[in-house]
Amino acid sequence: MSFLYWAGQWRFDPSVWIGCAVAIAAYRWFPGASADRRALTWVLGIVIIFVALESAIDIVGDNYLFSVHMAQHLILAMVAPPLMILGLPPPTIDLLLRSPTRHVLRVIISPYFAGSAYFAVLVAWHWPPFFDYALTNPAAHVAQHLSFIAVGLLFWWAVVVHRPEERWNLTPLGEVAYLTVGALPAVVVGLTLALLPRPVYLVYLHRSLLLGVSPLLDQRIGGMLMFAFDNVLMVAVAGWYLWRIFPTDGADEARLRARP
């Protein structure tokens, strides 16, 4: 089966199509929304979720290859959420922080809670009994995907949204530490799966062979994909924040000249 064949394979899950369409259409009513870069970023995040859930990524991941399923999980938890948060207009964030649920919101987006939830959800859902159960139970599978998006939004909030007066706000060095913690699921799950001597996901024991891939190799590819992608992403973002700690060339001299 060629790439072109799989590129033409799409699902039609009404809940996903309608949900993504509503999320895109509703943006125009977000306080402060306008047709600008933020709107494009929000739409891109929703489109990425749509592609992850309705394209051949979902078909192959559910029915044949664990590695592709892992790629889908990475997209839902690590790629789409930061784009969606980047797309929120500042007045919309202000409204959320003044809403009746503001106290709960501030708790769940705090780095301690968000980082812990992100770690727990990613590790728990990749525990073999839970993972296999989700693949055989549609309701659990939907809950799995929604939970990845949810903890992704919680985790990336403190990285993307900066409000000096808020308790969740992190210093650049704090961001580096937070992102380092964010890479732990990739070590616990990804590296473990890459090093195990036998396949642990029963659902894929025979499915991967249909595409000519052994279950163990498929599992190792999925584990290394999670380990590599998560660490590269976290290191790249952490590197950007680390760069912010140090002044650019000539900044110190400019400060000295400006000093009375």
C-alpha atoms as a PDB file:
ATOM      1  CA  MET A   1       0.000   0.000   0.000  1.00  0.00           C
ATOM      2  CA  SER A   2       1.538   3.274  -1.128  1.00  0.00           C
ATOM      3  CA  PHE A   3       1.710   6.629   0.607  1.00  0.00           C
ATOM      4  CA  LEU A   4      -0.847   7.970  -1.875  1.00  0.00           C
ATOM      5  CA  TYR A   5      -3.241   5.203  -0.866  1.00  0.00           C
ATOM      6  CA  TRP A   6      -3.020   6.092   2.807  1.00  0.00           C
ATOM      7  CA  ALA A   7      -3.179   9.821   2.078  1.00  0.00           C
ATOM      8  CA  GLY A   8      -6.613   9.237   0.603  1.00  0.00           C
ATOM      9  CA  GLN A   9      -7.945   7.321   3.612  1.00  0.00           C
ATOM     10  CA  TRP A  10     -10.138   9.377   5.941  1.00  0.00           C
ATOM     11  CA  ARG A  11     -12.642   8.584   8.670  1.00  0.00           C
ATOM     12  CA  PHE A  12     -15.981  10.279   9.140  1.00  0.00           C
ATOM     13  CA  ASP A  13     -16.644  10.623  12.847  1.00  0.00           C
ATOM     14  CA  PRO A  14     -19.417  13.235  13.153  1.00  0.00           C
ATOM     15  CA  SER A  15     -18.357  14.234  16.667  1.00  0.00           C
ATOM     16  CA  VAL A  16     -14.848  15.127  15.471  1.00  0.00           C
ATOM     17  CA  TRP A  17     -15.987  16.946  12.314  1.00  0.00           C
ATOM     18  CA  ILE A  18     -18.659  18.921  14.174  1.00  0.00           C
ATOM     19  CA  GLY A  19     -16.451  19.598  17.193  1.00  0.00           C
ATOM     20  CA  CYS A  20     -13.575  20.947  15.106  1.00  0.00           C
ATOM     21  CA  ALA A  21     -15.911  23.018  12.932  1.00  0.00           C
ATOM     22  CA  VAL A  22     -17.542  24.569  16.015  1.00  0.00           C
ATOM     23  CA  ALA A  23     -14.140  25.291  17.583  1.00  0.00           C
ATOM     24  CA  ILE A  24     -13.013  27.147  14.459  1.00  0.00           C
ATOM     25  CA  ALA A  25     -16.292  28.999  13.927  1.00  0.00           C
ATOM     26  CA  ALA A  26     -16.561  30.017  17.590  1.00  0.00           C
ATOM     27  CA  TYR A  27     -13.264  31.885  17.467  1.00  0.00           C
ATOM     28  CA  ARG A  28     -14.925  34.948  15.949  1.00  0.00           C
ATOM     29  CA  TRP A  29     -16.847  35.397  19.217  1.00  0.00           C
ATOM     30  CA  PHE A  30     -13.772  35.190  21.438  1.00  0.00           C
ATOM     31  CA  PRO A  31     -13.198  38.577  23.132  1.00  0.00           C
ATOM     32  CA  GLY A  32     -10.546  40.477  21.239  1.00  0.00           C
ATOM     33  CA  ALA A  33     -10.550  38.073  18.292  1.00  0.00           C
ATOM     34  CA  SER A  34      -9.560  39.354  14.876  1.00  0.00           C
ATOM     35  CA  ALA A  35      -8.345  37.895  11.598  1.00  0.00           C
ATOM     36  CA  ASP A  36      -4.667  37.944  12.507  1.00  0.00           C
ATOM     37  CA  ARG A  37      -1.785  35.654  13.374  1.00  0.00           C
ATOM     38  CA  ARG A  38      -3.483  34.474  16.566  1.00  0.00           C
ATOM     39  CA  ALA A  39      -6.571  33.372  14.662  1.00  0.00           C
ATOM     40  CA  LEU A  40      -4.409  31.474  12.183  1.00  0.00           C
ATOM     41  CA  THR A  41      -2.574  29.761  15.042  1.00  0.00           C
ATOM     42  CA  TRP A  42      -5.843  28.706  16.690  1.00  0.00           C
ATOM     43  CA  VAL A  43      -7.180  27.315  13.411  1.00  0.00           C
ATOM     44  CA  LEU A  44      -3.912  25.487  12.776  1.00  0.00           C
ATOM     45  CA  GLY A  45      -4.134  23.826  16.195  1.00  0.00           C
ATOM     46  CA  ILE A  46      -7.702  22.637  15.527  1.00  0.00           C
ATOM     47  CA  VAL A  47      -6.831  21.431  12.018  1.00  0.00           C
ATOM     48  CA  ILE A  48      -3.922  19.428  13.417  1.00  0.00           C
ATOM     49  CA  ILE A  49      -6.285  17.738  15.886  1.00  0.00           C
ATOM     50  CA  PHE A  50      -8.693  17.016  13.039  1.00  0.00           C
ATOM     51  CA  VAL A  51      -5.968  15.447  10.891  1.00  0.00           C
ATOM     52  CA  ALA A  52      -4.676  13.378  13.814  1.00  0.00           C
ATOM     53  CA  LEU A  53      -8.134  11.957  14.524  1.00  0.00           C
ATOM     54  CA  GLU A  54      -9.651  11.577  11.076  1.00  0.00           C
ATOM     55  CA  SER A  55      -6.826  10.856   8.631  1.00  0.00           C
ATOM     56  CA  ALA A  56      -4.888   7.658   7.979  1.00  0.00           C
ATOM     57  CA  ILE A  57      -2.924   8.439  11.156  1.00  0.00           C
ATOM     58  CA  ASP A  58      -5.951   7.252  13.130  1.00  0.00           C
ATOM     59  CA  ILE A  59      -6.722   4.347  10.814  1.00  0.00           C
ATOM     60  CA  VAL A  60      -3.190   2.941  10.814  1.00  0.00           C
ATOM     61  CA  GLY A  61      -2.662   3.698  14.497  1.00  0.00           C
ATOM     62  CA  ASP A  62      -5.845   1.936  15.584  1.00  0.00           C
ATOM     63  CA  ASN A  63      -5.624  -1.066  13.296  1.00  0.00           C
ATOM     64  CA  TYR A  64      -1.986  -1.762  12.455  1.00  0.00           C
ATOM     65  CA  LEU A  65       0.936   0.078  14.049  1.00  0.00           C
ATOM     66  CA  PHE A  66       1.568   1.124  17.639  1.00  0.00           C
ATOM     67  CA  SER A  67       4.252   3.551  16.434  1.00  0.00           C
ATOM     68  CA  VAL A  68       1.711   5.518  14.397  1.00  0.00           C
ATOM     69  CA  HIS A  69      -0.671   5.492  17.351  1.00  0.00           C
ATOM     70  CA  MET A  70       2.124   6.934  19.470  1.00  0.00           C
ATOM     71  CA  ALA A  71       2.670   9.663  16.874  1.00  0.00           C
ATOM     72  CA  GLN A  72      -1.021  10.511  17.151  1.00  0.00           C
ATOM     73  CA  HIS A  73      -0.733  10.845  20.927  1.00  0.00           C
ATOM     74  CA  LEU A  74       2.265  13.148  20.604  1.00  0.00           C
ATOM     75  CA  ILE A  75       0.346  15.369  18.200  1.00  0.00           C
ATOM     76  CA  LEU A  76      -2.658  15.585  20.525  1.00  0.00           C
ATOM     77  CA  ALA A  77      -0.657  16.326  23.695  1.00  0.00           C
ATOM     78  CA  MET A  78       2.387  18.238  22.476  1.00  0.00           C
ATOM     79  CA  VAL A  79       1.700  19.882  19.119  1.00  0.00           C
ATOM     80  CA  ALA A  80      -1.903  21.092  18.982  1.00  0.00           C
ATOM     81  CA  PRO A  81      -2.326  22.426  22.587  1.00  0.00           C
ATOM     82  CA  PRO A  82       0.454  25.073  22.536  1.00  0.00           C
ATOM     83  CA  LEU A  83      -0.830  26.327  19.175  1.00  0.00           C
ATOM     84  CA  MET A  84      -4.353  26.653  20.571  1.00  0.00           C
ATOM     85  CA  ILE A  85      -3.113  28.602  23.601  1.00  0.00           C
ATOM     86  CA  LEU A  86      -0.965  30.839  21.415  1.00  0.00           C
ATOM     87  CA  GLY A  87      -4.116  31.579  19.431  1.00  0.00           C
ATOM     88  CA  LEU A  88      -6.083  32.915  22.415  1.00  0.00           C
ATOM     89  CA  PRO A  89      -6.475  36.727  22.280  1.00  0.00           C
ATOM     90  CA  PRO A  90      -5.350  38.472  25.506  1.00  0.00           C
ATOM     91  CA  PRO A  91      -8.918  39.743  26.232  1.00  0.00           C
ATOM     92  CA  THR A  92     -10.127  36.127  26.094  1.00  0.00           C
ATOM     93  CA  ILE A  93      -7.489  35.114  28.634  1.00  0.00           C
ATOM     94  CA  ASP A  94      -8.536  38.083  30.802  1.00  0.00           C
ATOM     95  CA  LEU A  95     -12.151  36.910  30.642  1.00  0.00           C
ATOM     96  CA  LEU A  96     -11.173  33.376  31.678  1.00  0.00           C
ATOM     97  CA  LEU A  97      -9.219  34.725  34.632  1.00  0.00           C
ATOM     98  CA  ARG A  98     -12.223  36.788  35.761  1.00  0.00           C
ATOM     99  CA  SER A  99     -14.827  34.057  35.244  1.00  0.00           C
ATOM    100  CA  PRO A 100     -16.666  32.317  38.137  1.00  0.00           C
ATOM    101  CA  THR A 101     -14.329  29.334  37.667  1.00  0.00           C
ATOM    102  CA  ARG A 102     -11.191  31.482  37.924  1.00  0.00           C
ATOM    103  CA  HIS A 103     -10.085  29.939  41.226  1.00  0.00           C
ATOM    104  CA  VAL A 104     -10.301  26.412  39.838  1.00  0.00           C
ATOM    105  CA  LEU A 105      -8.596  27.539  36.639  1.00  0.00           C
ATOM    106  CA  ARG A 106      -5.673  29.018  38.550  1.00  0.00           C
ATOM    107  CA  VAL A 107      -5.228  25.749  40.450  1.00  0.00           C
ATOM    108  CA  ILE A 108      -5.219  23.446  37.423  1.00  0.00           C
ATOM    109  CA  ILE A 109      -2.893  25.653  35.352  1.00  0.00           C
ATOM    110  CA  SER A 110      -0.381  26.032  38.172  1.00  0.00           C
ATOM    111  CA  PRO A 111       2.921  24.410  37.163  1.00  0.00           C
ATOM    112  CA  TYR A 112       2.791  21.916  40.038  1.00  0.00           C
ATOM    113  CA  PHE A 113      -0.678  20.612  39.183  1.00  0.00           C
ATOM    114  CA  ALA A 114      -0.333  20.856  35.396  1.00  0.00           C
ATOM    115  CA  GLY A 115       3.077  19.176  35.340  1.00  0.00           C
ATOM    116  CA  SER A 116       1.860  16.363  37.596  1.00  0.00           C
ATOM    117  CA  ALA A 117      -1.319  15.823  35.572  1.00  0.00           C
ATOM    118  CA  TYR A 118       0.643  15.800  32.324  1.00  0.00           C
ATOM    119  CA  PHE A 119       3.048  13.183  33.671  1.00  0.00           C
ATOM    120  CA  ALA A 120       0.339  11.003  35.252  1.00  0.00           C
ATOM    121  CA  VAL A 121      -1.986  10.950  32.241  1.00  0.00           C
ATOM    122  CA  LEU A 122       0.710  10.217  29.654  1.00  0.00           C
ATOM    123  CA  VAL A 123       2.252   7.461  31.756  1.00  0.00           C
ATOM    124  CA  ALA A 124      -1.048   5.892  32.867  1.00  0.00           C
ATOM    125  CA  TRP A 125      -2.602   5.644  29.404  1.00  0.00           C
ATOM    126  CA  HIS A 126       0.502   3.902  28.049  1.00  0.00           C
ATOM    127  CA  TRP A 127       0.385   1.232  30.733  1.00  0.00           C
ATOM    128  CA  PRO A 128      -0.359  -1.889  28.638  1.00  0.00           C
ATOM    129  CA  PRO A 129      -3.686  -2.930  30.265  1.00  0.00           C
ATOM    130  CA  PHE A 130      -5.094   0.612  29.931  1.00  0.00           C
ATOM    131  CA  PHE A 131      -3.746   1.059  26.406  1.00  0.00           C
ATOM    132  CA  ASP A 132      -5.172  -2.257  25.190  1.00  0.00           C
ATOM    133  CA  TYR A 133      -8.507  -1.533  26.868  1.00  0.00           C
ATOM    134  CA  ALA A 134      -8.785   1.863  25.176  1.00  0.00           C
ATOM    135  CA  LEU A 135      -8.297   0.239  21.767  1.00  0.00           C
ATOM    136  CA  THR A 136     -11.152  -2.185  22.392  1.00  0.00           C
ATOM    137  CA  ASN A 137     -13.553   0.263  24.060  1.00  0.00           C
ATOM    138  CA  PRO A 138     -14.677   3.278  21.965  1.00  0.00           C
ATOM    139  CA  ALA A 139     -15.718   5.374  24.970  1.00  0.00           C
ATOM    140  CA  ALA A 140     -12.367   4.808  26.688  1.00  0.00           C
ATOM    141  CA  HIS A 141     -10.557   5.623  23.454  1.00  0.00           C
ATOM    142  CA  VAL A 142     -12.359   8.958  23.162  1.00  0.00           C
ATOM    143  CA  ALA A 143     -11.593   9.690  26.819  1.00  0.00           C
ATOM    144  CA  GLN A 144      -7.943   8.879  26.182  1.00  0.00           C
ATOM    145  CA  HIS A 145      -7.675  11.340  23.306  1.00  0.00           C
ATOM    146  CA  LEU A 146      -9.562  14.083  25.131  1.00  0.00           C
ATOM    147  CA  SER A 147      -7.381  13.648  28.205  1.00  0.00           C
ATOM    148  CA  PHE A 148      -4.229  14.070  26.107  1.00  0.00           C
ATOM    149  CA  ILE A 149      -5.549  17.342  24.684  1.00  0.00           C
ATOM    150  CA  ALA A 150      -6.671  18.497  28.146  1.00  0.00           C
ATOM    151  CA  VAL A 151      -3.377  17.862  29.951  1.00  0.00           C
ATOM    152  CA  GLY A 152      -1.537  19.311  26.967  1.00  0.00           C
ATOM    153  CA  LEU A 153      -3.481  22.556  27.379  1.00  0.00           C
ATOM    154  CA  LEU A 154      -2.785  22.596  31.120  1.00  0.00           C
ATOM    155  CA  PHE A 155       0.916  21.875  30.721  1.00  0.00           C
ATOM    156  CA  TRP A 156       1.600  24.385  27.947  1.00  0.00           C
ATOM    157  CA  TRP A 157      -0.355  27.224  29.577  1.00  0.00           C
ATOM    158  CA  ALA A 158       2.499  28.256  31.887  1.00  0.00           C
ATOM    159  CA  VAL A 159       4.937  28.023  28.971  1.00  0.00           C
ATOM    160  CA  VAL A 160       2.906  30.187  26.599  1.00  0.00           C
ATOM    161  CA  VAL A 161       0.948  32.636  28.795  1.00  0.00           C
ATOM    162  CA  HIS A 162       3.000  35.057  30.860  1.00  0.00           C
ATOM    163  CA  ARG A 163       1.355  37.275  33.462  1.00  0.00           C
ATOM    164  CA  PRO A 164       3.872  38.629  36.010  1.00  0.00           C
ATOM    165  CA  GLU A 165       1.135  39.225  38.574  1.00  0.00           C
ATOM    166  CA  GLU A 166      -0.085  35.594  38.455  1.00  0.00           C
ATOM    167  CA  ARG A 167       1.306  32.822  40.646  1.00  0.00           C
ATOM    168  CA  TRP A 168       1.711  30.422  37.713  1.00  0.00           C
ATOM    169  CA  ASN A 169       4.107  32.798  35.989  1.00  0.00           C
ATOM    170  CA  LEU A 170       7.600  31.315  35.741  1.00  0.00           C
ATOM    171  CA  THR A 171      10.957  32.991  35.325  1.00  0.00           C
ATOM    172  CA  PRO A 172      12.990  31.974  32.267  1.00  0.00           C
ATOM    173  CA  LEU A 173      15.024  29.635  34.500  1.00  0.00           C
ATOM    174  CA  GLY A 174      11.783  28.281  35.955  1.00  0.00           C
ATOM    175  CA  GLU A 175      10.541  27.611  32.436  1.00  0.00           C
ATOM    176  CA  VAL A 176      13.682  25.589  31.740  1.00  0.00           C
ATOM    177  CA  ALA A 177      13.130  23.501  34.885  1.00  0.00           C
ATOM    178  CA  TYR A 178       9.440  23.038  34.072  1.00  0.00           C
ATOM    179  CA  LEU A 179      10.178  21.874  30.538  1.00  0.00           C
ATOM    180  CA  THR A 180      12.820  19.499  31.861  1.00  0.00           C
ATOM    181  CA  VAL A 181      10.160  17.908  34.067  1.00  0.00           C
ATOM    182  CA  GLY A 182       7.881  17.820  31.020  1.00  0.00           C
ATOM    183  CA  ALA A 183      10.349  15.493  29.307  1.00  0.00           C
ATOM    184  CA  LEU A 184      10.038  12.860  32.062  1.00  0.00           C
ATOM    185  CA  PRO A 185       7.099  10.973  30.486  1.00  0.00           C
ATOM    186  CA  ALA A 186       9.235  10.395  27.403  1.00  0.00           C
ATOM    187  CA  VAL A 187      11.940   8.860  29.568  1.00  0.00           C
ATOM    188  CA  VAL A 188       9.572   6.734  31.650  1.00  0.00           C
ATOM    189  CA  VAL A 189       7.408   5.557  28.742  1.00  0.00           C
ATOM    190  CA  GLY A 190       9.361   6.076  25.544  1.00  0.00           C
ATOM    191  CA  LEU A 191      12.754   4.814  26.647  1.00  0.00           C
ATOM    192  CA  THR A 192      11.198   1.868  28.498  1.00  0.00           C
ATOM    193  CA  LEU A 193       9.266   0.757  25.415  1.00  0.00           C
ATOM    194  CA  ALA A 194      12.350   1.147  23.249  1.00  0.00           C
ATOM    195  CA  LEU A 195      14.432  -1.079  25.529  1.00  0.00           C
ATOM    196  CA  LEU A 196      11.958  -3.819  26.469  1.00  0.00           C
ATOM    197  CA  PRO A 197      12.938  -7.248  25.072  1.00  0.00           C
ATOM    198  CA  ARG A 198       9.390  -8.214  24.102  1.00  0.00           C
ATOM    199  CA  PRO A 199       6.185  -6.509  22.917  1.00  0.00           C
ATOM    200  CA  VAL A 200       3.777  -5.606  25.704  1.00  0.00           C
ATOM    201  CA  TYR A 201       0.690  -4.390  23.827  1.00  0.00           C
ATOM    202  CA  LEU A 202      -1.398  -7.467  23.075  1.00  0.00           C
ATOM    203  CA  VAL A 203      -3.633  -5.706  20.569  1.00  0.00           C
ATOM    204  CA  TYR A 204      -0.714  -5.171  18.190  1.00  0.00           C
ATOM    205  CA  LEU A 205       0.825  -8.647  18.397  1.00  0.00           C
ATOM    206  CA  HIS A 206      -0.679  -9.663  15.061  1.00  0.00           C
ATOM    207  CA  ARG A 207      -1.848  -6.351  13.600  1.00  0.00           C
ATOM    208  CA  SER A 208       1.591  -4.906  12.831  1.00  0.00           C
ATOM    209  CA  LEU A 209       2.511  -8.056  10.882  1.00  0.00           C
ATOM    210  CA  LEU A 210      -0.226  -7.164   8.372  1.00  0.00           C
ATOM    211  CA  LEU A 211       2.017  -4.279   7.246  1.00  0.00           C
ATOM    212  CA  GLY A 212       5.201  -6.339   7.433  1.00  0.00           C
ATOM    213  CA  VAL A 213       6.491  -4.899  10.727  1.00  0.00           C
ATOM    214  CA  SER A 214       7.288  -7.087  13.727  1.00  0.00           C
ATOM    215  CA  PRO A 215       5.459  -6.145  16.957  1.00  0.00           C
ATOM    216  CA  LEU A 216       8.749  -5.643  18.824  1.00  0.00           C
ATOM    217  CA  LEU A 217      10.235  -3.372  16.156  1.00  0.00           C
ATOM    218  CA  ASP A 218       6.967  -1.432  15.977  1.00  0.00           C
ATOM    219  CA  GLN A 219       6.997  -0.959  19.754  1.00  0.00           C
ATOM    220  CA  ARG A 220      10.631   0.142  19.750  1.00  0.00           C
ATOM    221  CA  ILE A 221      10.007   2.657  16.971  1.00  0.00           C
ATOM    222  CA  GLY A 222       7.050   4.061  18.926  1.00  0.00           C
ATOM    223  CA  GLY A 223       9.102   4.291  22.115  1.00  0.00           C
ATOM    224  CA  MET A 224      12.017   6.009  20.411  1.00  0.00           C
ATOM    225  CA  LEU A 225       9.631   8.347  18.615  1.00  0.00           C
ATOM    226  CA  MET A 226       8.181   9.489  21.926  1.00  0.00           C
ATOM    227  CA  PHE A 227      11.601   9.750  23.571  1.00  0.00           C
ATOM    228  CA  ALA A 228      13.180  11.672  20.701  1.00  0.00           C
ATOM    229  CA  PHE A 229      10.275  13.952  19.808  1.00  0.00           C
ATOM    230  CA  ASP A 230       9.427  14.939  23.371  1.00  0.00           C
ATOM    231  CA  ASN A 231      13.028  15.603  24.340  1.00  0.00           C
ATOM    232  CA  VAL A 232      13.849  17.545  21.173  1.00  0.00           C
ATOM    233  CA  LEU A 233      10.712  19.675  21.600  1.00  0.00           C
ATOM    234  CA  MET A 234      11.302  20.356  25.294  1.00  0.00           C
ATOM    235  CA  VAL A 235      15.008  21.069  24.794  1.00  0.00           C
ATOM    236  CA  ALA A 236      14.265  23.431  21.902  1.00  0.00           C
ATOM    237  CA  VAL A 237      11.717  25.438  23.894  1.00  0.00           C
ATOM    238  CA  ALA A 238      13.871  25.331  27.037  1.00  0.00           C
ATOM    239  CA  GLY A 239      16.829  26.535  24.976  1.00  0.00           C
ATOM    240  CA  TRP A 240      14.814  29.520  23.825  1.00  0.00           C
ATOM    241  CA  TYR A 241      13.956  30.435  27.427  1.00  0.00           C
ATOM    242  CA  LEU A 242      17.551  29.871  28.504  1.00  0.00           C
ATOM    243  CA  TRP A 243      18.645  32.245  25.755  1.00  0.00           C
ATOM    244  CA  ARG A 244      16.317  34.868  27.240  1.00  0.00           C
ATOM    245  CA  ILE A 245      18.207  34.720  30.536  1.00  0.00           C
ATOM    246  CA  PHE A 246      21.337  36.115  28.950  1.00  0.00           C
ATOM    247  CA  PRO A 247      21.419  39.598  27.403  1.00  0.00           C
ATOM    248  CA  THR A 248      22.006  39.954  23.699  1.00  0.00           C
ATOM    249  CA  ASP A 249      25.302  41.358  22.465  1.00  0.00           C
ATOM    250  CA  GLY A 250      25.744  44.919  23.643  1.00  0.00           C
ATOM    251  CA  ALA A 251      22.836  44.812  26.072  1.00  0.00           C
ATOM    252  CA  ASP A 252      25.064  45.208  29.122  1.00  0.00           C
ATOM    253  CA  GLU A 253      26.795  48.219  27.601  1.00  0.00           C
ATOM    254  CA  ALA A 254      23.456  49.794  26.762  1.00  0.00           C
ATOM    255  CA  ARG A 255      22.324  49.375  30.366  1.00  0.00           C
ATOM    256  CA  LEU A 256      25.511  50.993  31.650  1.00  0.00           C
ATOM    257  CA  ARG A 257      25.137  53.961  29.308  1.00  0.00           C
ATOM    258  CA  ALA A 258      21.522  54.435  30.361  1.00  0.00           C
ATOM    259  CA  ARG A 259      22.396  54.335  34.057  1.00  0.00           C
ATOM    260  CA  PRO A 260      22.454  57.878  35.631  1.00  0.00           C
END
